[in-house]
């Protein structure tokens, strides 16, 4: 055995032990969902597999928090998650068994041991792994992405990028030096935080770029869990790359660049006009343009989509992008926009999740945004949107179906690349309809037993109040509203839930008072769950 092989084995063993000792939080990541990957592939000229009938592989699935919700809501598709940590795979298997899923398998498997027996996949996800493994494993990840992808398959790989990570890397090096003699994870994290506090108190935020960096990192890390700090900053392996270096490695495995998971980051129109014009002039191809954009942004993290080399990719977005599209956005009108001196008759909107704004004086455009926002969290089909706007235009006496469809398509494309709306090519997996026997997913009901952060049908994490969480746990699609109210009343009687006033517990009410409280609570919970995209058909 060579010294290099021994070093790699030691590195892998360290990773194996660290994730068994300190499991990494396992959450849904909307940007990794097949729905998003499929949409980006289709937008750029590919014909990726229908997400309702596809095969998905997640490399580094941890406890299954990302892949299990996908599997439940796409029951005709097949999912495989692999991870080096036995503890996390056992957790994933337990969740799969409790929910009763048969279209997903969690495997305790070393990336280096992946072979052809896994078969081919339409979508491969590798989020939060590539930068935290040694070179041999990174090479194997890209090999898997090529050899296990179907011809129109798409791979998602995230990684730390330069130049942004230069400053963050300096903080990481300081924390690792300070904790170099410690082996206990809790003590390492404790001392790393102590060092950051010391630096923050010793270096003023006004002390140039260095002071600003220290305080920026401290404020960010204060909000993160110990698991995040330990695995993202104190692990032995943490590598960063310039974008062009990552693409060069991908090219060696006959993979090519497709897109970024967040489309808006690719659009030069999101830069000031002068910057966008310079980027177009000095960077004639997509790889150079993306690299120079990283220089401008000081970017430190990327979520890149890859496909097989030779796959036809067409990034010239036009009105045809809206054919068969479904649109969603939490856009709402705002009465007092922060902008000053807006033109007369301007209507202002704001995306309630990203806080991005949009102003328009076009009444049809305003009607379109109202229509999309009013239906959120459900997506609306582009055809339904056009029909709605045609009716509005007819009322105004300006109906021209061809012009309306073309204008709406171009407007939606601009909103999409601007990050204001999401586009997919499949209907929503949630519903706004409150049925006689309301249902939320098995994943969500399982989470509701132990946490207030639940996964919705849009593959997002939603924080719920304690009462709504407990009510949600009763919505298995088998219980009527009456039975759900009875379940809530029983929780109040047995002390699972306690009513309080001024912080003091109150005795559980009885009779008509209890019935009224339960009825109101369930009605409000159903409305919250409906708006949070928790209800499914």
Protein backbone atom coordinates (compact mmCIF):
# COMPACT_ATOMS: atom_id res chain seq x y z
CA UNK A 1 0.00 0.00 0.00
CA UNK A 2 1.44 3.36 -1.05
CA UNK A 3 1.70 6.37 1.25
CA UNK A 4 -0.87 8.19 -0.91
CA UNK A 5 -3.34 5.31 -0.58
CA UNK A 6 -2.83 5.20 3.19
CA UNK A 7 -3.42 8.95 3.40
CA UNK A 8 -6.66 8.65 1.40
CA UNK A 9 -7.87 5.76 3.58
CA UNK A 10 -7.13 7.76 6.73
CA UNK A 11 -9.03 10.74 5.30
CA UNK A 12 -12.03 8.59 4.43
CA UNK A 13 -12.00 6.92 7.83
CA UNK A 14 -11.92 10.32 9.53
CA UNK A 15 -14.94 11.43 7.49
CA UNK A 16 -16.76 8.20 8.32
CA UNK A 17 -16.19 8.63 12.04
CA UNK A 18 -17.00 12.35 12.13
CA UNK A 19 -20.45 11.92 10.57
CA UNK A 20 -21.24 8.99 12.85
CA UNK A 21 -20.18 11.00 15.92
CA UNK A 22 -21.81 14.26 14.79
CA UNK A 23 -24.63 13.52 12.31
CA UNK A 24 -25.22 16.30 9.83
CA UNK A 25 -28.69 17.87 9.84
CA UNK A 26 -30.73 16.44 6.99
CA UNK A 27 -33.07 18.93 5.33
CA UNK A 28 -34.88 19.43 2.02
CA UNK A 29 -33.16 21.63 -0.55
CA UNK A 30 -35.64 22.92 -3.10
CA UNK A 31 -32.91 23.70 -5.62
CA UNK A 32 -31.95 20.00 -5.80
CA UNK A 33 -35.46 18.72 -6.52
CA UNK A 34 -35.95 16.92 -9.87
CA UNK A 35 -38.64 19.50 -10.64
CA UNK A 36 -35.99 22.27 -10.66
CA UNK A 37 -33.41 20.19 -12.55
CA UNK A 38 -35.98 19.14 -15.14
CA UNK A 39 -37.11 22.74 -15.66
CA UNK A 40 -33.59 24.07 -16.21
CA UNK A 41 -32.75 21.24 -18.58
CA UNK A 42 -35.89 21.87 -20.60
CA UNK A 43 -35.35 25.63 -20.66
CA UNK A 44 -31.91 25.09 -22.17
CA UNK A 45 -32.98 22.74 -24.92
CA UNK A 46 -32.69 19.32 -23.31
CA UNK A 47 -35.42 16.67 -23.06
CA UNK A 48 -34.91 15.47 -19.46
CA UNK A 49 -37.04 12.68 -17.99
CA UNK A 50 -40.52 13.40 -16.65
CA UNK A 51 -40.05 13.72 -12.89
CA UNK A 52 -43.12 11.56 -12.31
CA UNK A 53 -41.37 8.60 -13.95
CA UNK A 54 -37.64 8.93 -13.33
CA UNK A 55 -34.68 7.50 -11.39
CA UNK A 56 -32.82 9.68 -8.88
CA UNK A 57 -29.53 9.10 -7.04
CA UNK A 58 -28.37 11.22 -4.11
CA UNK A 59 -24.69 10.97 -3.21
CA UNK A 60 -24.31 11.82 0.48
CA UNK A 61 -27.98 11.52 1.45
CA UNK A 62 -27.30 11.72 5.23
CA UNK A 63 -30.52 10.92 7.12
CA UNK A 64 -32.66 11.22 3.99
CA UNK A 65 -34.14 14.63 4.76
CA UNK A 66 -33.71 15.70 1.14
CA UNK A 67 -34.45 12.56 -0.86
CA UNK A 68 -37.22 10.90 1.21
CA UNK A 69 -39.77 13.74 0.71
CA UNK A 70 -39.08 13.56 -3.04
CA UNK A 71 -39.79 9.84 -3.06
CA UNK A 72 -43.06 10.15 -1.17
CA UNK A 73 -44.58 12.76 -3.49
CA UNK A 74 -43.28 11.09 -6.67
CA UNK A 75 -44.42 7.50 -6.01
CA UNK A 76 -43.94 6.30 -9.61
CA UNK A 77 -40.26 7.30 -9.61
CA UNK A 78 -37.34 5.41 -8.07
CA UNK A 79 -34.83 6.85 -5.59
CA UNK A 80 -31.52 5.66 -4.16
CA UNK A 81 -29.55 7.50 -1.48
CA UNK A 82 -26.02 6.53 -0.45
CA UNK A 83 -23.93 7.70 2.48
CA UNK A 84 -20.70 6.73 4.24
CA UNK A 85 -22.23 7.13 7.70
CA UNK A 86 -23.88 3.95 8.99
CA UNK A 87 -25.67 5.93 11.70
CA UNK A 88 -27.27 8.33 9.22
CA UNK A 89 -28.29 5.54 6.83
CA UNK A 90 -29.95 3.68 9.70
CA UNK A 91 -31.88 6.85 10.49
CA UNK A 92 -32.96 7.16 6.85
CA UNK A 93 -34.06 3.51 6.73
CA UNK A 94 -36.09 3.93 9.90
CA UNK A 95 -37.91 6.93 8.40
CA UNK A 96 -38.59 5.08 5.14
CA UNK A 97 -40.05 2.14 7.04
CA UNK A 98 -42.25 4.31 9.28
CA UNK A 99 -43.67 6.17 6.28
CA UNK A 100 -44.11 2.94 4.35
CA UNK A 101 -42.30 3.91 1.14
CA UNK A 102 -41.36 1.23 -1.38
CA UNK A 103 -39.78 3.34 -4.13
CA UNK A 104 -36.64 4.39 -2.25
CA UNK A 105 -33.57 2.64 -0.92
CA UNK A 106 -30.95 4.03 1.48
CA UNK A 107 -27.57 2.33 1.14
CA UNK A 108 -24.57 2.39 3.47
CA UNK A 109 -22.00 2.74 0.71
CA UNK A 110 -18.61 4.33 0.19
CA UNK A 111 -18.55 6.58 -2.88
CA UNK A 112 -15.38 4.78 -3.96
CA UNK A 113 -17.29 1.48 -4.06
CA UNK A 114 -20.07 2.65 -6.39
CA UNK A 115 -20.18 0.43 -9.48
CA UNK A 116 -22.45 -0.31 -12.43
CA UNK A 117 -24.83 -2.34 -10.25
CA UNK A 118 -26.58 0.91 -9.22
CA UNK A 119 -27.75 1.35 -12.79
CA UNK A 120 -28.50 4.56 -14.70
CA UNK A 121 -30.23 7.67 -13.41
CA UNK A 122 -32.06 10.63 -14.85
CA UNK A 123 -31.02 12.94 -12.01
CA UNK A 124 -27.97 12.72 -9.74
CA UNK A 125 -27.68 14.98 -6.69
CA UNK A 126 -24.44 15.63 -4.80
CA UNK A 127 -25.05 18.53 -2.42
CA UNK A 128 -22.55 19.50 0.28
CA UNK A 129 -20.06 16.70 -0.48
CA UNK A 130 -17.65 17.64 -3.28
CA UNK A 131 -15.63 20.25 -1.35
CA UNK A 132 -15.40 18.09 1.76
CA UNK A 133 -13.74 14.97 0.35
CA UNK A 134 -10.18 14.28 -0.87
CA UNK A 135 -9.20 14.53 -4.57
CA UNK A 136 -9.69 10.82 -5.32
CA UNK A 137 -13.26 10.94 -4.10
CA UNK A 138 -14.01 14.14 -6.03
CA UNK A 139 -12.76 12.41 -9.13
CA UNK A 140 -15.01 9.43 -8.40
CA UNK A 141 -18.04 11.71 -7.92
CA UNK A 142 -17.59 13.14 -11.41
CA UNK A 143 -17.02 9.64 -12.79
CA UNK A 144 -20.35 8.54 -11.26
CA UNK A 145 -22.08 11.62 -12.66
CA UNK A 146 -21.01 10.63 -16.16
CA UNK A 147 -21.13 6.84 -16.13
CA UNK A 148 -24.46 6.62 -14.28
CA UNK A 149 -26.33 9.37 -16.12
CA UNK A 150 -28.84 8.58 -18.82
CA UNK A 151 -28.21 10.40 -22.15
CA UNK A 152 -30.49 13.33 -21.22
CA UNK A 153 -29.65 13.10 -17.52
CA UNK A 154 -28.68 16.01 -15.27
CA UNK A 155 -26.26 16.06 -12.33
CA UNK A 156 -26.30 18.63 -9.50
CA UNK A 157 -22.96 19.27 -7.73
CA UNK A 158 -22.36 21.99 -5.14
CA UNK A 159 -18.94 23.21 -4.00
CA UNK A 160 -17.07 26.08 -2.37
CA UNK A 161 -15.70 28.62 -4.82
CA UNK A 162 -12.96 31.18 -5.11
CA UNK A 163 -12.31 34.04 -4.84
CA UNK A 164 -15.02 34.33 -2.16
CA UNK A 165 -13.63 31.53 -0.02
CA UNK A 166 -10.20 33.14 0.34
CA UNK A 167 -11.41 35.29 3.26
CA UNK A 168 -13.64 32.60 4.74
CA UNK A 169 -10.79 30.12 4.40
CA UNK A 170 -8.60 32.37 6.53
CA UNK A 171 -11.17 32.19 9.34
CA UNK A 172 -11.36 28.41 8.95
CA UNK A 173 -7.56 28.14 9.21
CA UNK A 174 -7.56 30.21 12.39
CA UNK A 175 -10.26 28.02 13.97
CA UNK A 176 -8.44 24.84 12.99
CA UNK A 177 -5.16 26.12 14.42
CA UNK A 178 -6.84 27.06 17.68
CA UNK A 179 -8.54 23.63 18.02
CA UNK A 180 -5.68 21.53 16.58
CA UNK A 181 -5.04 19.64 19.85
CA UNK A 182 -8.70 18.80 20.49
CA UNK A 183 -10.44 15.61 19.34
CA UNK A 184 -13.83 15.92 21.04
CA UNK A 185 -16.26 17.53 18.53
CA UNK A 186 -18.16 19.49 21.18
CA UNK A 187 -14.97 20.97 22.60
CA UNK A 188 -13.71 21.82 19.11
CA UNK A 189 -16.90 23.69 18.30
CA UNK A 190 -16.91 25.43 21.69
CA UNK A 191 -13.34 26.63 21.27
CA UNK A 192 -13.89 27.65 17.66
CA UNK A 193 -16.77 29.88 18.77
CA UNK A 194 -14.63 31.24 21.59
CA UNK A 195 -11.93 32.21 19.11
CA UNK A 196 -14.44 34.01 16.93
CA UNK A 197 -15.74 35.94 19.94
CA UNK A 198 -12.17 36.87 20.89
CA UNK A 199 -11.41 38.09 17.37
CA UNK A 200 -14.65 40.05 17.20
CA UNK A 201 -13.90 41.80 20.50
CA UNK A 202 -10.28 42.47 19.51
CA UNK A 203 -10.78 43.67 15.95
CA UNK A 204 -13.25 46.48 15.36
CA UNK A 205 -15.76 46.12 12.53
CA UNK A 206 -14.58 49.51 11.31
CA UNK A 207 -11.01 48.21 10.99
CA UNK A 208 -11.03 47.92 7.21
CA UNK A 209 -11.80 44.78 5.18
CA UNK A 210 -10.29 42.48 7.83
CA UNK A 211 -12.48 43.76 10.64
CA UNK A 212 -15.55 43.68 8.43
CA UNK A 213 -14.76 40.07 7.46
CA UNK A 214 -14.34 38.92 11.06
CA UNK A 215 -17.65 40.43 12.14
CA UNK A 216 -19.48 39.22 9.05
CA UNK A 217 -18.34 35.64 9.68
CA UNK A 218 -19.15 35.83 13.37
CA UNK A 219 -22.67 37.07 12.67
CA UNK A 220 -23.20 34.30 10.12
CA UNK A 221 -21.80 31.51 12.30
CA UNK A 222 -23.75 32.63 15.37
CA UNK A 223 -26.91 31.66 13.51
CA UNK A 224 -25.61 28.22 12.48
CA UNK A 225 -25.85 24.96 14.38
CA UNK A 226 -22.85 23.24 15.93
CA UNK A 227 -23.23 20.53 13.28
CA UNK A 228 -22.78 23.09 10.52
CA UNK A 229 -19.75 24.68 12.14
CA UNK A 230 -18.10 21.33 12.79
CA UNK A 231 -18.61 19.78 9.35
CA UNK A 232 -18.39 22.87 7.16
CA UNK A 233 -15.46 24.58 8.86
CA UNK A 234 -13.60 22.18 11.16
CA UNK A 235 -13.43 19.05 9.00
CA UNK A 236 -10.00 17.90 7.81
CA UNK A 237 -11.11 18.19 4.17
CA UNK A 238 -12.37 21.50 2.84
CA UNK A 239 -11.38 22.46 -0.67
CA UNK A 240 -12.28 25.45 -2.81
CA UNK A 241 -12.08 25.96 -6.55
CA UNK A 242 -12.39 28.59 -9.18
CA UNK A 243 -15.39 27.87 -11.36
CA UNK A 244 -13.26 27.26 -14.45
CA UNK A 245 -11.18 24.70 -12.51
CA UNK A 246 -14.29 22.74 -11.56
CA UNK A 247 -15.52 22.77 -15.16
CA UNK A 248 -12.10 21.61 -16.39
CA UNK A 249 -12.34 18.62 -14.04
CA UNK A 250 -15.87 17.90 -15.22
CA UNK A 251 -14.75 18.06 -18.86
CA UNK A 252 -12.16 15.35 -18.17
CA UNK A 253 -15.09 13.05 -17.40
CA UNK A 254 -16.99 13.99 -20.56
CA UNK A 255 -19.35 16.26 -18.64
CA UNK A 256 -20.27 19.77 -19.71
CA UNK A 257 -21.73 22.82 -18.03
CA UNK A 258 -25.49 23.19 -18.23
CA UNK A 259 -26.56 25.85 -15.73
CA UNK A 260 -26.70 27.00 -12.13
CA UNK A 261 -29.49 25.75 -9.89
CA UNK A 262 -30.48 29.39 -9.31
CA UNK A 263 -31.07 30.71 -12.81
CA UNK A 264 -31.06 34.37 -11.77
CA UNK A 265 -27.35 34.20 -10.92
CA UNK A 266 -26.58 33.50 -14.60
CA UNK A 267 -28.38 36.52 -16.02
CA UNK A 268 -26.04 39.44 -16.62
CA UNK A 269 -29.07 41.71 -16.58
CA UNK A 270 -29.01 41.41 -12.80
CA UNK A 271 -25.73 43.37 -12.81
CA UNK A 272 -25.54 47.14 -13.28
CA UNK A 273 -25.69 48.00 -16.97
CA UNK A 274 -22.00 48.94 -17.26
CA UNK A 275 -20.88 45.71 -15.55
CA UNK A 276 -23.16 43.58 -17.74
CA UNK A 277 -21.82 45.23 -20.92
CA UNK A 278 -18.22 44.66 -19.85
CA UNK A 279 -18.88 41.01 -19.03
CA UNK A 280 -20.43 40.48 -22.47
CA UNK A 281 -17.40 42.11 -24.10
CA UNK A 282 -14.54 40.42 -22.21
CA UNK A 283 -16.19 36.99 -21.78
CA UNK A 284 -17.54 35.72 -25.11
CA UNK A 285 -18.47 32.23 -23.87
CA UNK A 286 -20.56 31.03 -20.92
CA UNK A 287 -17.66 29.58 -18.91
CA UNK A 288 -15.61 32.78 -19.07
CA UNK A 289 -18.67 34.89 -18.35
CA UNK A 290 -19.55 32.85 -15.27
CA UNK A 291 -15.95 33.02 -14.05
CA UNK A 292 -15.72 36.78 -14.43
CA UNK A 293 -19.10 37.10 -12.71
CA UNK A 294 -17.60 35.23 -9.74
CA UNK A 295 -14.73 37.73 -9.67
CA UNK A 296 -17.23 40.59 -9.53
CA UNK A 297 -19.44 38.97 -6.88
CA UNK A 298 -16.59 37.50 -4.80
CA UNK A 299 -18.64 34.30 -4.96
CA UNK A 300 -17.98 31.58 -2.38
CA UNK A 301 -20.47 28.80 -3.25
CA UNK A 302 -21.90 27.30 -6.42
CA UNK A 303 -24.64 24.80 -7.22
CA UNK A 304 -23.85 23.67 -10.73
CA UNK A 305 -25.77 21.45 -13.13
CA UNK A 306 -23.85 19.18 -15.50
CA UNK A 307 -24.87 17.01 -18.44
CA UNK A 308 -23.10 14.68 -20.84
CA UNK A 309 -20.58 16.29 -23.18
CA UNK A 310 -22.09 16.64 -26.62
CA UNK A 311 -25.61 17.20 -25.34
CA UNK A 312 -27.22 20.01 -27.30
CA UNK A 313 -27.66 23.04 -25.03
CA UNK A 314 -29.46 26.19 -26.17
CA UNK A 315 -29.46 29.09 -23.70
CA UNK A 316 -31.27 31.55 -25.99
CA UNK A 317 -34.43 31.89 -23.94
CA UNK A 318 -37.47 33.20 -25.77
CA UNK A 319 -41.26 33.07 -25.64
CA UNK A 320 -41.24 29.34 -26.46
CA UNK A 321 -39.89 28.72 -22.94
CA UNK A 322 -43.44 29.23 -21.67
CA UNK A 323 -44.95 26.41 -23.73
CA UNK A 324 -46.25 23.90 -21.18
CA UNK A 325 -44.89 25.98 -18.28
CA UNK A 326 -46.30 26.32 -14.77
CA UNK A 327 -45.61 29.54 -12.86
CA UNK A 328 -45.50 30.26 -9.14
CA UNK A 329 -44.52 33.21 -7.00
CA UNK A 330 -45.59 34.79 -3.70
CA UNK A 331 -45.79 38.23 -5.34
CA UNK A 332 -48.03 40.72 -3.57
CA UNK A 333 -48.95 44.36 -4.13
CA UNK A 334 -47.30 46.84 -1.77
CA UNK A 335 -48.93 50.15 -0.92
CA UNK A 336 -45.88 52.14 0.08
CA UNK A 337 -42.88 51.04 -2.03
CA UNK A 338 -39.48 52.30 -0.87
CA UNK A 339 -38.71 53.83 -4.28
CA UNK A 340 -39.27 57.57 -4.63
CA UNK A 341 -40.80 59.53 -7.50
CA UNK A 342 -42.34 56.61 -9.32
CA UNK A 343 -44.32 57.39 -12.49
CA UNK A 344 -48.03 58.01 -12.11
CA UNK A 345 -50.20 54.86 -12.08
CA UNK A 346 -47.26 52.69 -11.05
CA UNK A 347 -48.23 49.47 -9.29
CA UNK A 348 -45.58 47.96 -7.01
CA UNK A 349 -45.13 44.31 -6.14
CA UNK A 350 -42.82 42.42 -3.83
CA UNK A 351 -41.82 38.76 -3.69
CA UNK A 352 -42.66 37.90 -0.07
CA UNK A 353 -39.92 35.24 0.13
CA UNK A 354 -36.96 36.98 -1.53
CA UNK A 355 -38.09 40.59 -0.88
CA UNK A 356 -37.36 41.47 -4.51
CA UNK A 357 -39.53 44.20 -5.95
CA UNK A 358 -41.10 45.02 -9.31
CA UNK A 359 -42.88 48.13 -10.53
CA UNK A 360 -45.17 48.31 -13.55
CA UNK A 361 -47.55 50.78 -15.16
CA UNK A 362 -49.02 48.08 -17.44
CA UNK A 363 -52.45 47.03 -16.09
CA UNK A 364 -52.29 43.65 -17.86
CA UNK A 365 -48.89 42.91 -16.35
CA UNK A 366 -50.26 43.86 -12.94
CA UNK A 367 -53.24 41.56 -13.49
CA UNK A 368 -50.88 38.71 -14.41
CA UNK A 369 -48.80 39.14 -11.26
CA UNK A 370 -51.96 39.38 -9.15
CA UNK A 371 -53.21 36.13 -10.69
CA UNK A 372 -49.97 34.25 -9.99
CA UNK A 373 -49.69 35.63 -6.45
CA UNK A 374 -53.31 34.90 -5.59
CA UNK A 375 -52.88 31.23 -6.49
CA UNK A 376 -49.62 30.75 -4.56
CA UNK A 377 -48.39 28.28 -3.32
CA UNK A 378 -50.02 26.53 -6.30
CA UNK A 379 -48.44 27.05 -9.70
CA UNK A 380 -50.68 28.27 -12.53
CA UNK A 381 -50.30 27.04 -16.07
CA UNK A 382 -49.13 29.61 -18.60
CA UNK A 383 -52.19 28.80 -20.72
CA UNK A 384 -54.52 29.61 -17.81
CA UNK A 385 -52.62 32.84 -17.19
CA UNK A 386 -53.01 33.87 -20.82
CA UNK A 387 -56.73 33.05 -20.77
CA UNK A 388 -57.13 35.19 -17.63
CA UNK A 389 -55.29 38.13 -19.21
CA UNK A 390 -57.22 37.80 -22.46
CA UNK A 391 -60.45 38.15 -20.47
CA UNK A 392 -59.05 41.24 -18.71
CA UNK A 393 -57.94 42.74 -22.03
CA UNK A 394 -61.35 42.08 -23.55
CA UNK A 395 -62.95 44.04 -20.71
CA UNK A 396 -60.59 46.92 -21.56
CA UNK A 397 -61.35 46.64 -25.28
CA UNK A 398 -57.76 45.83 -26.23
CA UNK A 399 -57.96 42.12 -26.96
CA UNK A 400 -55.28 40.78 -29.37
CA UNK A 401 -54.67 37.10 -28.49
CA UNK A 402 -51.41 36.74 -30.44
CA UNK A 403 -49.88 39.90 -29.00
CA UNK A 404 -51.09 39.09 -25.49
CA UNK A 405 -49.59 35.61 -25.50
CA UNK A 406 -46.27 36.83 -26.91
CA UNK A 407 -46.11 39.76 -24.50
CA UNK A 408 -46.98 37.63 -21.49
CA UNK A 409 -44.40 35.00 -22.48
CA UNK A 410 -41.62 37.57 -22.78
CA UNK A 411 -42.62 39.21 -19.49
CA UNK A 412 -42.62 35.86 -17.67
CA UNK A 413 -39.20 34.96 -19.09
CA UNK A 414 -37.81 38.25 -17.79
CA UNK A 415 -39.38 37.68 -14.37
CA UNK A 416 -37.97 34.15 -14.32
CA UNK A 417 -34.37 35.12 -15.08
CA UNK A 418 -34.75 37.97 -12.62
CA UNK A 419 -35.58 35.49 -9.85
CA UNK A 420 -39.10 36.81 -9.32
CA UNK A 421 -41.03 33.69 -10.34
CA UNK A 422 -40.38 29.94 -10.44
CA UNK A 423 -41.03 27.97 -13.60
CA UNK A 424 -41.64 24.23 -13.83
CA UNK A 425 -43.21 21.91 -16.37
CA UNK A 426 -45.30 19.79 -14.03
CA UNK A 427 -48.34 20.75 -11.91
CA UNK A 428 -47.90 21.50 -8.21
CA UNK A 429 -47.55 18.60 -5.80
CA UNK A 430 -49.57 20.48 -3.17
CA UNK A 431 -53.21 21.53 -3.16
CA UNK A 432 -55.12 24.59 -1.94
CA UNK A 433 -58.31 22.56 -1.58
CA UNK A 434 -59.25 21.55 1.96
CA UNK A 435 -60.83 18.12 1.52
CA UNK A 436 -63.24 16.26 3.78
CA UNK A 437 -60.28 14.18 4.96
CA UNK A 438 -57.29 16.55 4.71
CA UNK A 439 -53.85 15.06 4.26
CA UNK A 440 -50.25 16.09 4.69
CA UNK A 441 -47.31 13.88 3.76
CA UNK A 442 -46.04 11.04 5.91
CA UNK A 443 -42.67 12.81 6.06
CA UNK A 444 -44.31 15.92 7.51
CA UNK A 445 -46.37 13.94 10.02
CA UNK A 446 -43.26 12.10 11.16
CA UNK A 447 -41.35 15.37 11.56
CA UNK A 448 -44.27 16.87 13.50
CA UNK A 449 -43.66 14.36 16.30
CA UNK A 450 -40.34 15.94 17.21
CA UNK A 451 -39.73 19.31 15.54
CA UNK A 452 -41.47 22.51 14.44
CA UNK A 453 -39.56 22.64 11.14
CA UNK A 454 -41.52 20.62 8.62
CA UNK A 455 -41.08 19.83 4.93
CA UNK A 456 -43.83 21.10 2.66
CA UNK A 457 -44.88 19.86 -0.79
CA UNK A 458 -42.71 22.54 -2.45
CA UNK A 459 -39.68 20.87 -0.86
CA UNK A 460 -39.09 23.75 1.55
CA UNK A 461 -38.63 23.87 5.31
CA UNK A 462 -41.52 25.64 7.05
CA UNK A 463 -41.56 26.62 10.73
CA UNK A 464 -44.94 26.04 12.39
CA UNK A 465 -46.31 27.05 15.76
CA UNK A 466 -46.73 24.26 18.31
CA UNK A 467 -50.51 24.02 18.04
CA UNK A 468 -50.55 23.78 14.24
CA UNK A 469 -47.75 21.22 14.33
CA UNK A 470 -49.72 18.91 16.63
CA UNK A 471 -52.86 19.28 14.55
CA UNK A 472 -50.85 18.57 11.39
CA UNK A 473 -49.77 15.25 12.86
CA UNK A 474 -53.41 14.13 12.80
CA UNK A 475 -53.95 14.80 9.08
CA UNK A 476 -53.27 11.41 7.55
CA UNK A 477 -56.01 11.52 4.90
CA UNK A 478 -58.14 9.08 6.93
CA UNK A 479 -59.62 11.44 9.51
CA UNK A 480 -62.53 13.82 8.96
CA UNK A 481 -62.50 17.34 10.40
CA UNK A 482 -64.67 16.01 13.24
CA UNK A 483 -62.13 13.28 14.04
CA UNK A 484 -59.25 15.76 13.88
CA UNK A 485 -61.08 18.01 16.35
CA UNK A 486 -61.58 15.03 18.64
CA UNK A 487 -57.87 14.25 18.42
CA UNK A 488 -57.04 17.81 19.40
CA UNK A 489 -59.48 17.69 22.33
CA UNK A 490 -57.85 14.51 23.57
CA UNK A 491 -54.40 16.14 23.44
CA UNK A 492 -55.73 19.01 25.54
CA UNK A 493 -57.28 16.61 28.04
CA UNK A 494 -54.22 14.38 28.44
CA UNK A 495 -51.73 17.23 28.71
CA UNK A 496 -49.97 16.75 25.35
CA UNK A 497 -51.04 20.33 24.69
CA UNK A 498 -51.55 22.90 27.43
CA UNK A 499 -53.43 26.18 27.23
CA UNK A 500 -51.69 29.09 28.94
CA UNK A 501 -52.47 32.61 30.08
CA UNK A 502 -49.69 35.01 31.04
CA UNK A 503 -47.32 32.06 30.90
CA UNK A 504 -49.29 30.04 33.41
CA UNK A 505 -50.99 26.73 32.46
CA UNK A 506 -54.78 26.61 32.48
CA UNK A 507 -56.94 23.55 33.14
CA UNK A 508 -58.32 21.93 29.98
CA UNK A 509 -61.79 23.32 29.18
CA UNK A 510 -64.78 21.03 28.75
CA UNK A 511 -68.12 20.90 26.96
CA UNK A 512 -69.10 23.54 24.44
CA UNK A 513 -66.08 25.71 25.27
CA UNK A 514 -63.68 22.90 24.38
CA UNK A 515 -65.66 22.13 21.22
CA UNK A 516 -65.50 25.75 20.10
CA UNK A 517 -61.77 26.04 20.84
CA UNK A 518 -61.05 22.84 18.90
CA UNK A 519 -63.18 23.88 15.92
CA UNK A 520 -61.51 27.29 15.66
CA UNK A 521 -58.02 25.85 16.14
CA UNK A 522 -58.45 23.20 13.43
CA UNK A 523 -59.94 25.71 10.98
CA UNK A 524 -57.02 28.11 11.51
CA UNK A 525 -54.47 25.28 11.28
CA UNK A 526 -55.94 24.08 8.00
CA UNK A 527 -55.65 27.57 6.57
CA UNK A 528 -52.03 27.88 7.70
CA UNK A 529 -51.17 24.47 6.26
CA UNK A 530 -52.91 25.31 2.99
CA UNK A 531 -50.95 28.56 2.64
CA UNK A 532 -47.71 26.80 3.61
CA UNK A 533 -48.08 24.22 0.79
CA UNK A 534 -48.46 21.39 3.31
CA UNK A 535 -51.72 19.91 2.03
CA UNK A 536 -51.51 17.20 -0.62
CA UNK A 537 -54.12 15.43 -2.70
